[in-house]
Amino acid sequence: MIPQIPTLDPLPLPAPAWLLWALLTLTFVLHLLAMNLLLGGAIIGLLASSRGGGRGQAPQSDRRGRRSRLIAQALPALVAATVTFGVAALLFLQVLYGRLFFTAAVLLAVPWIAVVAILIATYYSAYVGSIRARAGRAPLAALWLVVFGLAAIAFLYSNVMGLLLRPGEFLARAQASASGLHLNLDDPTLIPRYLHVLFGAIAVGGLGTAIWGSIIRRRDEAFGAWMTLHGVYWAAGATMVNFLPGFWWLAALPREALLGLLGQDPLATFSFASGILASLGALALLVPAAFAPDPRRLLYGAAGSLGLALVLMVLVRDAARRIVLAPTGFRTTAWVAPQWGPIAIFVALLAAAIVAVVWMVVKLTQGTAAPSSHDVGV
């Protein structure tokens, strides 16, 4: 028997539900973009640093080390952007799905609270890695900690967001134990959801690396071309592989969500099919970019296609959540007491945050376009 969730909520919405949903979608897409660059870049930087990074080595190994140091320098800014947009998205999620989200978070109370400590340690490690990289030293240990911390946080978030969609489990888990250790490990969607996040991050991180290399190429042709080529390899490879956990995740969804995405819900089906086509479009642009004398236009086109795929898959995720929760009777409260002042302030600050992040990215890429004193001769 599917439990019915009461519709009564003692608190009104601070804005119309459609506006809160739009802000949730926007901030979540921005969070995913920053998070993918952060996690994917950290993984690529870690693997590069593990294979080489000291001065005086062979050119191929030294190039990997230089790429690793460049990525490490960008990590603190990416952590800041990821957290800033992530907090905003989480707040809107709590407003719209608070009864489900807070229950799931309480059932996972201990690991959920641990996210704060893990994030602080990850942020500190990112700064340590950046400082070491600016000094020309390999940031291997710091990158290990950053990747481990981000992967752990992604795993815990996957648990909470998956359990949120299983309200039928709430009462039994709470009655079984009040330990706050109810990980969602028996959810068939957990592993494919998690793998889909990891490979998606590597794809976006690889594309970001390739575009960064094309900017560096203006002043350092050899290294910039090498960094672009290897970034394309990472992006194209991860995009191709990511179809496997993506379809695994689709097959693991509850039957009603699967049918909705495959035809019963026209909007969800359109978003799903368009997302696949956008991913294939990105892949079609990445392959020739590996061989083009000047791949910048192809890379920017691939970035647009991959960004569109990201937006569409967020819409697919939202549609699947809506379909899965429909039988439970869950509805957002119809009681609205608009607070336009705080909403206006938030929108203004969000716009300022986006401008600030873009400015940081521009300054970062400009500051690393020329080879540093540690990298001369690469």
Protein backbone atom coordinates (compact mmCIF):
# COMPACT_ATOMS: atom_id res chain seq x y z
CA MET A 1 0.00 0.00 0.00
CA ILE A 2 1.39 3.39 -1.00
CA PRO A 3 1.37 5.81 1.95
CA GLN A 4 -0.58 9.02 1.49
CA ILE A 5 1.31 12.15 2.53
CA PRO A 6 -0.85 14.81 4.23
CA THR A 7 -1.25 17.96 2.17
CA LEU A 8 -1.56 20.25 5.19
CA ASP A 9 1.51 22.39 5.84
CA PRO A 10 1.47 25.02 8.61
CA LEU A 11 3.80 27.34 6.68
CA PRO A 12 2.89 29.25 3.51
CA LEU A 13 5.13 29.46 0.49
CA PRO A 14 7.08 32.76 0.30
CA ALA A 15 6.40 32.97 -3.45
CA PRO A 16 4.30 31.16 -6.07
CA ALA A 17 5.33 27.52 -6.49
CA TRP A 18 6.20 28.03 -10.17
CA LEU A 19 8.69 30.78 -9.29
CA LEU A 20 10.28 28.72 -6.53
CA TRP A 21 10.57 25.78 -8.94
CA ALA A 22 12.19 28.02 -11.58
CA LEU A 23 14.72 29.33 -9.04
CA LEU A 24 15.39 25.78 -7.83
CA THR A 25 16.06 24.64 -11.40
CA LEU A 26 18.29 27.63 -12.20
CA THR A 27 20.40 27.42 -9.05
CA PHE A 28 20.67 23.63 -9.31
CA VAL A 29 21.93 23.86 -12.90
CA LEU A 30 24.51 26.45 -11.83
CA HIS A 31 25.49 24.25 -8.90
CA LEU A 32 25.89 21.22 -11.16
CA LEU A 33 28.00 23.17 -13.64
CA ALA A 34 30.40 24.37 -10.92
CA MET A 35 30.39 20.98 -9.18
CA ASN A 36 31.15 19.09 -12.38
CA LEU A 37 34.08 21.39 -13.18
CA LEU A 38 35.31 20.97 -9.60
CA LEU A 39 34.97 17.21 -9.23
CA GLY A 40 35.88 16.36 -12.81
CA GLY A 41 38.82 18.76 -12.80
CA ALA A 42 40.05 17.38 -9.47
CA ILE A 43 39.92 13.80 -10.79
CA ILE A 44 41.79 14.74 -13.96
CA GLY A 45 44.31 16.76 -11.96
CA LEU A 46 44.81 13.88 -9.53
CA LEU A 47 45.46 11.35 -12.26
CA ALA A 48 47.82 13.79 -13.99
CA SER A 49 49.69 14.49 -10.75
CA SER A 50 49.95 10.77 -9.99
CA ARG A 51 51.69 10.19 -13.32
CA GLY A 52 54.09 13.10 -13.11
CA GLY A 53 54.51 16.63 -11.96
CA GLY A 54 58.02 17.35 -10.84
CA ARG A 55 60.38 19.64 -12.67
CA GLY A 56 63.23 18.18 -14.66
CA GLN A 57 61.20 15.22 -15.92
CA ALA A 58 60.39 14.08 -19.44
CA PRO A 59 58.30 16.58 -21.45
CA GLN A 60 55.16 14.41 -21.45
CA SER A 61 55.32 13.88 -17.68
CA ASP A 62 56.13 17.53 -17.04
CA ARG A 63 53.13 18.60 -19.11
CA ARG A 64 50.89 16.42 -16.96
CA GLY A 65 52.40 18.03 -13.89
CA ARG A 66 51.81 21.52 -15.22
CA ARG A 67 48.19 20.69 -16.06
CA SER A 68 47.73 19.28 -12.57
CA ARG A 69 49.11 22.46 -11.00
CA LEU A 70 46.86 24.68 -13.15
CA ILE A 71 43.79 22.69 -12.12
CA ALA A 72 44.81 22.81 -8.46
CA GLN A 73 45.04 26.61 -8.62
CA ALA A 74 41.41 26.80 -9.79
CA LEU A 75 39.96 24.52 -7.09
CA PRO A 76 39.28 27.10 -4.31
CA ALA A 77 37.23 29.31 -6.65
CA LEU A 78 35.30 26.29 -7.92
CA VAL A 79 34.56 25.11 -4.36
CA ALA A 80 33.22 28.57 -3.53
CA ALA A 81 30.95 28.60 -6.60
CA THR A 82 29.76 25.04 -5.96
CA VAL A 83 28.84 25.77 -2.35
CA THR A 84 27.23 29.14 -3.10
CA PHE A 85 24.87 27.83 -5.78
CA GLY A 86 24.38 24.52 -3.95
CA VAL A 87 23.14 26.21 -0.78
CA ALA A 88 20.64 28.24 -2.80
CA ALA A 89 19.33 25.14 -4.58
CA LEU A 90 19.06 23.25 -1.28
CA LEU A 91 17.02 26.06 0.27
CA PHE A 92 14.48 26.01 -2.56
CA LEU A 93 14.34 22.21 -2.37
CA GLN A 94 13.54 22.47 1.33
CA VAL A 95 10.74 24.95 0.66
CA LEU A 96 9.07 22.79 -2.00
CA TYR A 97 9.82 19.30 -0.66
CA GLY A 98 10.52 20.02 3.00
CA ARG A 99 8.34 17.28 4.48
CA LEU A 100 10.14 14.65 2.41
CA PHE A 101 13.63 16.13 2.48
CA PHE A 102 13.82 16.74 6.23
CA THR A 103 12.50 13.26 7.01
CA ALA A 104 15.10 11.66 4.74
CA ALA A 105 17.85 13.85 6.23
CA VAL A 106 16.84 12.88 9.79
CA LEU A 107 16.97 9.19 8.90
CA LEU A 108 20.54 9.79 7.65
CA ALA A 109 21.32 12.30 10.42
CA VAL A 110 24.85 11.17 11.28
CA PRO A 111 26.34 11.02 7.75
CA TRP A 112 24.26 14.06 6.77
CA ILE A 113 25.77 16.19 9.54
CA ALA A 114 29.19 14.78 8.64
CA VAL A 115 28.86 16.51 5.23
CA VAL A 116 29.72 19.82 6.92
CA ALA A 117 33.00 18.47 8.36
CA ILE A 118 33.90 16.75 5.08
CA LEU A 119 33.22 19.94 3.13
CA ILE A 120 35.40 22.04 5.46
CA ALA A 121 38.25 19.54 5.14
CA THR A 122 37.80 19.48 1.35
CA TYR A 123 37.85 23.28 1.12
CA TYR A 124 41.01 23.43 3.23
CA SER A 125 42.65 20.76 1.07
CA ALA A 126 41.76 22.74 -2.06
CA TYR A 127 43.58 25.78 -0.67
CA VAL A 128 46.59 23.68 0.31
CA GLY A 129 46.73 22.21 -3.18
CA SER A 130 46.43 25.67 -4.75
CA ILE A 131 49.25 27.06 -2.60
CA ARG A 132 51.52 24.12 -3.43
CA ALA A 133 50.70 24.45 -7.13
CA ARG A 134 51.52 28.16 -7.17
CA ALA A 135 54.86 27.30 -5.58
CA GLY A 136 55.55 24.85 -8.42
CA ARG A 137 55.12 21.72 -6.28
CA ALA A 138 52.95 18.70 -7.02
CA PRO A 139 49.61 18.94 -5.15
CA LEU A 140 49.13 15.15 -5.07
CA ALA A 141 48.11 14.67 -1.43
CA ALA A 142 45.77 17.66 -1.49
CA LEU A 143 44.11 16.45 -4.69
CA TRP A 144 43.56 13.01 -3.15
CA LEU A 145 41.77 14.63 -0.21
CA VAL A 146 39.70 16.88 -2.48
CA VAL A 147 38.57 13.99 -4.70
CA PHE A 148 37.83 11.74 -1.72
CA GLY A 149 35.87 14.49 0.05
CA LEU A 150 33.83 15.44 -3.02
CA ALA A 151 33.12 11.80 -3.88
CA ALA A 152 31.96 11.15 -0.30
CA ILE A 153 29.67 14.18 -0.32
CA ALA A 154 28.20 13.18 -3.70
CA PHE A 155 27.53 9.68 -2.35
CA LEU A 156 25.76 10.99 0.76
CA TYR A 157 23.68 13.42 -1.27
CA SER A 158 22.70 10.59 -3.63
CA ASN A 159 21.50 8.64 -0.59
CA VAL A 160 19.36 11.47 0.75
CA MET A 161 17.88 12.45 -2.61
CA GLY A 162 17.10 8.81 -3.38
CA LEU A 163 15.46 8.19 0.00
CA LEU A 164 13.39 11.35 -0.46
CA LEU A 165 11.59 9.50 -3.27
CA ARG A 166 10.76 6.50 -1.05
CA PRO A 167 8.38 7.84 1.61
CA GLY A 168 7.01 4.34 2.07
CA GLU A 169 10.31 3.47 3.78
CA PHE A 170 10.21 6.30 6.32
CA LEU A 171 8.08 4.75 9.07
CA ALA A 172 9.66 1.30 8.96
CA ARG A 173 13.19 2.71 9.11
CA ALA A 174 12.34 5.06 11.97
CA GLN A 175 10.69 2.25 13.95
CA ALA A 176 13.61 -0.11 13.29
CA SER A 177 16.24 2.25 14.69
CA ALA A 178 16.72 5.85 15.79
CA SER A 179 20.46 5.71 15.07
CA GLY A 180 20.37 8.19 12.18
CA LEU A 181 22.41 5.78 10.05
CA HIS A 182 19.78 4.71 7.51
CA LEU A 183 21.76 4.87 4.29
CA ASN A 184 19.70 4.21 1.19
CA LEU A 185 21.89 1.31 0.08
CA ASP A 186 19.03 -0.96 -1.00
CA ASP A 187 17.81 1.56 -3.57
CA PRO A 188 18.36 0.08 -7.06
CA THR A 189 18.89 3.59 -8.48
CA LEU A 190 21.68 4.56 -6.04
CA ILE A 191 24.72 3.11 -7.83
CA PRO A 192 23.77 4.15 -11.40
CA ARG A 193 22.77 7.61 -10.12
CA TYR A 194 26.15 7.97 -8.41
CA LEU A 195 28.16 6.69 -11.39
CA HIS A 196 26.20 8.98 -13.71
CA VAL A 197 27.23 11.94 -11.55
CA LEU A 198 30.90 10.91 -11.53
CA PHE A 199 31.24 10.33 -15.27
CA GLY A 200 29.23 13.45 -16.03
CA ALA A 201 31.62 15.45 -13.87
CA ILE A 202 34.64 14.01 -15.69
CA ALA A 203 33.07 14.89 -19.05
CA VAL A 204 32.42 18.50 -18.04
CA GLY A 205 35.81 18.76 -16.33
CA GLY A 206 37.53 17.44 -19.44
CA LEU A 207 35.72 19.93 -21.66
CA GLY A 208 36.62 22.75 -19.27
CA THR A 209 40.25 21.63 -19.43
CA ALA A 210 40.13 21.58 -23.23
CA ILE A 211 38.70 25.11 -23.43
CA TRP A 212 41.29 26.31 -20.91
CA GLY A 213 43.99 24.77 -23.08
CA SER A 214 42.67 26.61 -26.13
CA ILE A 215 43.02 29.89 -24.21
CA ILE A 216 46.57 29.05 -23.07
CA ARG A 217 47.39 28.09 -26.65
CA ARG A 218 47.39 31.76 -27.68
CA ARG A 219 50.65 32.28 -25.77
CA ASP A 220 52.01 28.76 -25.43
CA GLU A 221 51.18 26.83 -28.58
CA ALA A 222 52.73 23.46 -27.66
CA PHE A 223 51.38 23.12 -24.13
CA GLY A 224 47.99 24.67 -24.97
CA ALA A 225 47.48 22.29 -27.90
CA TRP A 226 48.48 19.31 -25.74
CA MET A 227 46.15 20.36 -22.91
CA THR A 228 43.27 20.89 -25.36
CA LEU A 229 43.78 17.50 -26.98
CA HIS A 230 43.87 15.60 -23.69
CA GLY A 231 40.88 17.55 -22.37
CA VAL A 232 38.92 16.48 -25.46
CA TYR A 233 39.94 12.86 -24.82
CA TRP A 234 38.64 13.04 -21.25
CA ALA A 235 35.39 14.76 -22.28
CA ALA A 236 34.60 12.47 -25.21
CA GLY A 237 35.56 9.29 -23.36
CA ALA A 238 33.53 10.11 -20.26
CA THR A 239 30.53 11.18 -22.35
CA MET A 240 30.50 7.87 -24.20
CA VAL A 241 30.93 5.79 -21.05
CA ASN A 242 28.26 7.80 -19.20
CA PHE A 243 25.51 6.43 -21.42
CA LEU A 244 25.90 3.07 -19.61
CA PRO A 245 25.05 4.23 -16.05
CA GLY A 246 22.51 6.63 -17.57
CA PHE A 247 20.46 3.84 -19.14
CA TRP A 248 21.08 1.66 -16.07
CA TRP A 249 19.56 4.43 -13.95
CA LEU A 250 16.62 4.64 -16.36
CA ALA A 251 16.00 0.89 -16.11
CA ALA A 252 16.21 1.01 -12.30
CA LEU A 253 13.54 3.71 -11.96
CA PRO A 254 10.09 2.73 -10.67
CA ARG A 255 7.84 1.48 -13.44
CA GLU A 256 5.62 4.56 -13.51
CA ALA A 257 8.64 6.87 -13.93
CA LEU A 258 10.11 4.66 -16.65
CA LEU A 259 6.85 4.65 -18.61
CA GLY A 260 6.49 8.40 -18.13
CA LEU A 261 9.92 9.06 -19.62
CA LEU A 262 9.29 6.65 -22.49
CA GLY A 263 6.05 8.12 -23.77
CA GLN A 264 3.30 8.47 -21.20
CA ASP A 265 4.40 11.94 -20.11
CA PRO A 266 5.00 13.96 -23.33
CA LEU A 267 7.03 16.73 -21.67
CA ALA A 268 9.23 14.29 -19.76
CA THR A 269 9.72 12.19 -22.90
CA PHE A 270 10.66 15.25 -24.94
CA SER A 271 13.19 16.37 -22.31
CA PHE A 272 14.68 12.88 -22.09
CA ALA A 273 15.01 12.39 -25.85
CA SER A 274 16.35 15.92 -26.36
CA GLY A 275 18.89 15.41 -23.58
CA ILE A 276 20.24 12.29 -25.31
CA LEU A 277 20.42 14.12 -28.64
CA ALA A 278 22.23 17.06 -27.04
CA SER A 279 24.79 14.68 -25.50
CA LEU A 280 25.32 13.01 -28.87
CA GLY A 281 25.67 16.46 -30.42
CA ALA A 282 28.39 17.33 -27.95
CA LEU A 283 30.16 14.08 -28.74
CA ALA A 284 29.87 14.76 -32.49
CA LEU A 285 31.65 18.10 -31.98
CA LEU A 286 34.30 16.76 -29.60
CA VAL A 287 35.59 14.09 -31.98
CA PRO A 288 36.60 16.49 -34.81
CA ALA A 289 37.88 18.98 -32.21
CA ALA A 290 40.66 16.50 -31.41
CA PHE A 291 42.02 16.87 -34.96
CA ALA A 292 41.11 20.46 -35.88
CA PRO A 293 43.98 22.98 -36.24
CA ASP A 294 41.89 25.54 -34.33
CA PRO A 295 39.23 23.71 -32.29
CA ARG A 296 37.83 26.69 -30.38
CA ARG A 297 34.53 26.92 -32.26
CA LEU A 298 34.01 23.18 -31.99
CA LEU A 299 34.77 23.29 -28.26
CA TYR A 300 32.38 26.17 -27.63
CA GLY A 301 29.71 24.33 -29.63
CA ALA A 302 30.34 21.18 -27.58
CA ALA A 303 30.10 23.24 -24.40
CA GLY A 304 26.75 24.60 -25.52
CA SER A 305 25.45 21.12 -26.37
CA LEU A 306 26.71 19.62 -23.12
CA GLY A 307 25.25 22.53 -21.16
CA LEU A 308 21.90 22.01 -22.88
CA ALA A 309 22.06 18.31 -22.07
CA LEU A 310 22.70 19.19 -18.43
CA VAL A 311 19.64 21.45 -18.30
CA LEU A 312 17.43 18.86 -20.00
CA MET A 313 18.58 16.09 -17.66
CA VAL A 314 17.75 18.30 -14.68
CA LEU A 315 14.24 18.63 -16.13
CA VAL A 316 14.12 14.84 -16.61
CA ARG A 317 15.17 14.36 -12.98
CA ASP A 318 12.45 16.73 -11.85
CA ALA A 319 9.84 14.96 -13.99
CA ALA A 320 10.85 11.56 -12.61
CA ARG A 321 10.56 12.89 -9.06
CA ARG A 322 7.12 14.32 -9.80
CA ILE A 323 5.91 11.03 -11.35
CA VAL A 324 7.27 8.88 -8.51
CA LEU A 325 5.69 11.05 -5.82
CA ALA A 326 2.31 11.42 -7.57
CA PRO A 327 0.82 8.16 -6.15
CA THR A 328 1.64 9.29 -2.61
CA GLY A 329 -0.59 12.32 -2.94
CA PHE A 330 2.29 14.71 -2.25
CA ARG A 331 1.51 18.27 -3.25
CA THR A 332 3.21 21.54 -2.48
CA THR A 333 1.08 23.72 -0.26
CA ALA A 334 -1.38 26.01 -2.04
CA TRP A 335 -1.05 28.61 0.71
CA VAL A 336 1.12 31.44 -0.62
CA ALA A 337 2.12 34.51 1.37
CA PRO A 338 4.49 36.35 -1.01
CA GLN A 339 7.61 37.95 0.42
CA TRP A 340 8.68 39.93 -2.62
CA GLY A 341 11.32 41.96 -0.80
CA PRO A 342 13.52 38.97 0.14
CA ILE A 343 12.87 37.37 -3.25
CA ALA A 344 14.03 40.54 -5.04
CA ILE A 345 17.13 40.73 -2.85
CA PHE A 346 17.92 37.08 -3.59
CA VAL A 347 17.55 37.57 -7.35
CA ALA A 348 19.85 40.61 -7.23
CA LEU A 349 22.45 38.75 -5.16
CA LEU A 350 22.20 35.72 -7.44
CA ALA A 351 22.90 37.90 -10.47
CA ALA A 352 25.86 39.47 -8.63
CA ALA A 353 27.15 36.00 -7.72
CA ILE A 354 26.99 34.86 -11.35
CA VAL A 355 28.85 37.98 -12.48
CA ALA A 356 31.47 37.43 -9.76
CA VAL A 357 32.00 33.80 -10.74
CA VAL A 358 32.36 34.70 -14.43
CA TRP A 359 34.84 37.44 -13.46
CA MET A 360 36.87 34.96 -11.38
CA VAL A 361 36.96 32.47 -14.24
CA VAL A 362 38.12 35.15 -16.71
CA LYS A 363 40.84 36.38 -14.34
CA LEU A 364 41.94 32.83 -13.60
CA THR A 365 42.27 31.88 -17.26
CA GLN A 366 44.01 35.16 -18.09
CA GLY A 367 46.42 34.73 -15.21
CA THR A 368 47.43 31.26 -16.35
CA ALA A 369 47.50 31.91 -20.09
CA ALA A 370 51.20 32.62 -20.00
CA PRO A 371 53.67 30.03 -18.68
CA SER A 372 54.88 30.61 -15.15
CA SER A 373 58.52 30.77 -14.15
CA HIS A 374 58.26 27.14 -13.00
CA ASP A 375 57.00 25.93 -16.34
CA VAL A 376 59.46 27.50 -18.77
CA GLY A 377 60.78 24.94 -21.18
CA VAL A 378 57.74 22.66 -21.11
